[in-house]
């Protein structure tokens, strides 16, 4: 009887020790999971800070390069203006003005005669042709916008698309030339437009980064996120 009770007490002790060991291991697993969570969050913050710092460095460098390019463009336009004015001054003597005036008078007279003929012909046209002519004018305007854009740098294209409705060509100046003159005379507006465009690009990059982080949390397990974050940290060049 005593042997049986001793055996039962021993079995109870073994069961209690086993339960205590399982509880200890469970608590240790919880502590390890919390430690891993803190480590993963710290690494994620470090990666985000590093990416933001790299973007700020890039943005500062691009803005400085843009400012230098604008300054160089302004200087080239200034020199070219001086050169063109010198050419105009050299070819605007009295004899030259008389010759140009005579040639211009002849062209004007010829144009007037052609205009009179066209007006007479237009009187005979039907009313339904007017919408067609309006569509043709819109097409020529669109083609004119395209012909300007193919000659612009990416930075100039950003400014052009903001102000193109204000830019009009003349008989003596194409829209591209008129746009170049506008940039020269409105350098402050050019800088503001480019700065706003750069800021918009930065905000878009930040929003994209937040969306990627949110998608990463939804689509990957903690272990997969830790692996991806470690891989991205290795790829950061600093």
Protein backbone atom coordinates (compact mmCIF):
# COMPACT_ATOMS: atom_id res chain seq x y z
CA UNK A 1 0.00 0.00 0.00
CA UNK A 2 2.81 2.42 0.87
CA UNK A 3 4.65 1.47 -2.30
CA UNK A 4 1.54 2.25 -4.40
CA UNK A 5 1.06 5.66 -2.74
CA UNK A 6 4.71 6.48 -3.24
CA UNK A 7 4.41 5.49 -6.89
CA UNK A 8 1.32 7.69 -7.31
CA UNK A 9 3.07 10.64 -5.64
CA UNK A 10 6.01 10.13 -8.02
CA UNK A 11 3.72 10.03 -11.05
CA UNK A 12 1.98 13.24 -9.85
CA UNK A 13 5.33 14.96 -9.43
CA UNK A 14 6.42 13.89 -12.93
CA UNK A 15 3.14 15.18 -14.40
CA UNK A 16 3.48 18.51 -12.60
CA UNK A 17 7.08 18.92 -13.76
CA UNK A 18 6.05 18.11 -17.34
CA UNK A 19 3.22 20.66 -17.21
CA UNK A 20 5.55 23.27 -15.74
CA UNK A 21 8.07 22.57 -18.50
CA UNK A 22 5.39 22.94 -21.22
CA UNK A 23 4.21 26.21 -19.66
CA UNK A 24 7.77 27.50 -19.51
CA UNK A 25 8.33 26.61 -23.16
CA UNK A 26 5.04 28.29 -24.18
CA UNK A 27 5.99 31.45 -22.32
CA UNK A 28 9.41 31.40 -23.94
CA UNK A 29 7.78 31.02 -27.38
CA UNK A 30 5.61 34.09 -26.68
CA UNK A 31 8.66 36.07 -25.57
CA UNK A 32 10.58 34.99 -28.69
CA UNK A 33 7.66 36.01 -30.94
CA UNK A 34 7.48 39.43 -29.30
CA UNK A 35 11.23 39.87 -29.68
CA UNK A 36 11.02 38.91 -33.36
CA UNK A 37 8.15 41.41 -33.83
CA UNK A 38 10.19 44.24 -32.27
CA UNK A 39 13.19 43.31 -34.42
CA UNK A 40 11.11 43.23 -37.61
CA UNK A 41 9.50 46.60 -36.85
CA UNK A 42 12.89 48.15 -36.09
CA UNK A 43 14.29 46.82 -39.39
CA UNK A 44 11.25 48.07 -41.29
CA UNK A 45 11.64 51.56 -39.78
CA UNK A 46 15.34 51.51 -40.61
CA UNK A 47 14.59 50.56 -44.22
CA UNK A 48 11.93 53.29 -44.56
CA UNK A 49 14.24 55.92 -43.09
CA UNK A 50 17.06 54.86 -45.38
CA UNK A 51 14.78 54.99 -48.44
CA UNK A 52 13.47 58.44 -47.49
CA UNK A 53 16.99 59.73 -46.90
CA UNK A 54 18.13 58.40 -50.27
CA UNK A 55 15.16 60.02 -51.99
CA UNK A 56 15.85 63.38 -50.32
CA UNK A 57 19.49 63.21 -51.45
CA UNK A 58 18.38 62.38 -55.00
CA UNK A 59 15.76 65.16 -55.02
CA UNK A 60 18.28 67.73 -53.77
CA UNK A 61 20.76 66.67 -56.43
CA UNK A 62 18.15 66.84 -59.18
CA UNK A 63 16.96 70.27 -58.06
CA UNK A 64 20.52 71.58 -58.06
CA UNK A 65 21.07 70.15 -61.53
CA UNK A 66 17.81 71.71 -62.69
CA UNK A 67 18.77 75.11 -61.28
CA UNK A 68 22.13 74.88 -63.05
CA UNK A 69 20.45 73.91 -66.32
CA UNK A 70 18.03 76.83 -66.06
CA UNK A 71 20.89 79.23 -65.34
CA UNK A 72 22.82 77.89 -68.34
CA UNK A 73 19.75 78.18 -70.57
CA UNK A 74 19.16 81.74 -69.42
CA UNK A 75 22.77 82.64 -70.22
CA UNK A 76 22.59 81.04 -73.68
CA UNK A 77 19.37 82.90 -74.44
CA UNK A 78 20.96 86.14 -73.32
CA UNK A 79 23.98 85.64 -75.58
CA UNK A 80 21.80 84.58 -78.50
CA UNK A 81 19.59 87.65 -78.01
CA UNK A 82 22.62 89.93 -78.14
CA UNK A 83 23.83 88.17 -81.28
CA UNK A 84 20.47 88.37 -83.04
CA UNK A 85 20.04 92.02 -82.15
CA UNK A 86 23.47 92.72 -83.62
CA UNK A 87 22.41 90.99 -86.85
CA UNK A 88 19.21 93.02 -86.97
CA UNK A 89 21.13 96.26 -86.42
CA UNK A 90 23.58 95.33 -89.20
CA UNK A 91 20.87 94.68 -91.80
CA UNK A 92 18.49 97.54 -91.03
CA UNK A 93 20.08 100.42 -92.95
CA UNK A 94 17.99 102.79 -95.13
CA UNK A 95 18.71 101.00 -98.42
CA UNK A 96 17.85 97.67 -96.90
CA UNK A 97 14.65 99.07 -95.39
CA UNK A 98 13.61 100.50 -98.78
CA UNK A 99 14.25 97.18 -100.48
CA UNK A 100 12.37 95.24 -97.84
CA UNK A 101 9.50 97.74 -97.95
CA UNK A 102 9.18 97.43 -101.72
CA UNK A 103 9.26 93.64 -101.58
CA UNK A 104 6.75 93.68 -98.75
CA UNK A 105 4.42 95.99 -100.67
CA UNK A 106 4.54 93.64 -103.62
CA UNK A 107 3.75 90.62 -101.44
CA UNK A 108 0.92 92.50 -99.74
CA UNK A 109 -0.63 93.47 -103.04
CA UNK A 110 -0.39 89.89 -104.31
CA UNK A 111 -1.89 88.59 -101.06
CA UNK A 112 -4.74 91.09 -101.28
CA UNK A 113 -5.55 89.94 -104.77
CA UNK A 114 -5.54 86.31 -103.67
CA UNK A 115 -7.67 87.21 -100.67
CA UNK A 116 -10.22 88.96 -102.82
CA UNK A 117 -10.43 85.88 -105.04
CA UNK A 118 -10.83 83.60 -102.04
CA UNK A 119 -13.56 85.78 -100.53
CA UNK A 120 -15.44 85.65 -103.80
CA UNK A 121 -15.08 81.87 -103.86
CA UNK A 122 -16.22 81.54 -100.23
CA UNK A 123 -19.45 83.33 -101.09
CA UNK A 124 -20.28 80.46 -103.39
CA UNK A 125 -19.52 77.75 -100.85
CA UNK A 126 -22.31 75.92 -99.05
CA UNK A 127 -22.94 76.41 -95.35
CA UNK A 128 -22.39 72.75 -94.49
CA UNK A 129 -18.65 73.03 -95.22
CA UNK A 130 -18.07 75.31 -92.19
CA UNK A 131 -17.88 72.52 -89.57
CA UNK A 132 -15.30 70.77 -91.73
CA UNK A 133 -13.10 73.89 -91.75
CA UNK A 134 -13.47 74.19 -87.97
CA UNK A 135 -12.32 70.57 -87.56
CA UNK A 136 -9.34 71.27 -89.82
CA UNK A 137 -8.34 74.24 -87.64
CA UNK A 138 -8.48 72.08 -84.51
CA UNK A 139 -6.34 69.44 -86.21
CA UNK A 140 -3.74 72.04 -87.21
CA UNK A 141 -3.70 73.39 -83.66
CA UNK A 142 -3.16 69.88 -82.23
CA UNK A 143 -0.38 69.21 -84.70
CA UNK A 144 1.19 72.50 -83.73
CA UNK A 145 1.27 71.43 -80.05
CA UNK A 146 2.92 68.17 -81.05
CA UNK A 147 5.49 69.90 -83.25
CA UNK A 148 6.54 72.01 -80.26
CA UNK A 149 6.73 69.11 -77.80
CA UNK A 150 9.09 67.02 -79.93
CA UNK A 151 11.71 69.78 -79.64
CA UNK A 152 11.59 70.12 -75.83
CA UNK A 153 13.58 68.54 -73.03
CA UNK A 154 11.66 66.66 -70.28
CA UNK A 155 11.88 69.67 -67.93
CA UNK A 156 10.75 72.08 -70.65
CA UNK A 157 7.89 69.69 -71.48
CA UNK A 158 6.63 69.91 -67.87
CA UNK A 159 6.52 73.71 -68.10
CA UNK A 160 5.04 73.66 -71.63
CA UNK A 161 2.06 71.53 -70.65
CA UNK A 162 1.24 74.02 -67.88
CA UNK A 163 1.34 77.17 -70.03
CA UNK A 164 0.87 76.07 -73.65
CA UNK A 165 -2.56 77.67 -73.93
CA UNK A 166 -0.87 81.04 -73.35
CA UNK A 167 1.78 80.54 -76.06
CA UNK A 168 0.93 81.68 -79.60
CA UNK A 169 3.07 81.94 -82.67
CA UNK A 170 3.26 84.93 -84.97
CA UNK A 171 4.32 85.59 -88.54
CA UNK A 172 7.86 86.20 -87.29
CA UNK A 173 8.09 83.67 -84.47
CA UNK A 174 7.14 80.00 -84.14
CA UNK A 175 5.44 78.70 -81.01
CA UNK A 176 8.67 76.99 -79.99
CA UNK A 177 10.53 80.31 -80.19
CA UNK A 178 7.68 82.09 -78.38
CA UNK A 179 7.88 79.47 -75.61
CA UNK A 180 11.65 79.93 -75.28
CA UNK A 181 11.15 83.69 -74.94
CA UNK A 182 8.42 83.11 -72.36
CA UNK A 183 10.73 80.91 -70.25
CA UNK A 184 13.46 83.55 -70.44
CA UNK A 185 11.10 86.32 -69.34
CA UNK A 186 9.35 84.24 -66.65
CA UNK A 187 12.19 82.32 -64.99
CA UNK A 188 10.54 82.58 -61.57
CA UNK A 189 7.38 80.87 -62.88
CA UNK A 190 9.53 78.20 -64.56
CA UNK A 191 11.28 77.44 -61.28
CA UNK A 192 7.96 77.33 -59.40
CA UNK A 193 6.35 74.95 -61.91
CA UNK A 194 9.34 72.60 -61.84
CA UNK A 195 9.49 72.69 -58.05
CA UNK A 196 5.76 71.88 -57.84
CA UNK A 197 6.24 69.01 -60.27
CA UNK A 198 9.17 67.63 -58.23
CA UNK A 199 7.14 67.91 -55.00
CA UNK A 200 4.22 66.10 -56.64
CA UNK A 201 6.62 63.31 -57.73
CA UNK A 202 7.94 63.06 -54.17
CA UNK A 203 4.43 62.83 -52.67
CA UNK A 204 3.49 60.18 -55.25
CA UNK A 205 6.59 58.16 -54.32
CA UNK A 206 5.73 58.37 -50.61
CA UNK A 207 2.14 57.23 -51.27
CA UNK A 208 3.41 54.35 -53.42
CA UNK A 209 5.78 53.29 -50.64
CA UNK A 210 2.93 53.27 -48.10
CA UNK A 211 0.77 51.20 -50.45
CA UNK A 212 3.60 48.69 -50.92
CA UNK A 213 4.07 48.40 -47.15
CA UNK A 214 0.33 47.82 -46.65
CA UNK A 215 0.24 45.21 -49.43
CA UNK A 216 3.31 43.51 -47.92
CA UNK A 217 1.61 43.21 -44.52
CA UNK A 218 -1.55 41.75 -46.09
CA UNK A 219 0.04 39.29 -48.52
CA UNK A 220 3.03 37.88 -46.57
CA UNK A 221 3.55 36.09 -43.31
CA UNK A 222 5.82 37.65 -40.62
CA UNK A 223 8.66 35.34 -41.62
CA UNK A 224 8.30 36.26 -45.31
CA UNK A 225 8.18 39.99 -44.44
CA UNK A 226 11.36 39.65 -42.37
CA UNK A 227 13.09 37.92 -45.26
CA UNK A 228 12.00 40.60 -47.76
CA UNK A 229 13.04 43.43 -45.44
CA UNK A 230 16.45 41.84 -44.88
CA UNK A 231 16.91 41.47 -48.64
CA UNK A 232 15.97 45.13 -49.24
CA UNK A 233 18.34 46.31 -46.51
CA UNK A 234 21.18 44.44 -48.19
CA UNK A 235 20.35 46.23 -51.46
CA UNK A 236 20.49 49.75 -49.93
CA UNK A 237 23.81 51.30 -51.18
CA UNK A 238 24.75 52.97 -47.86
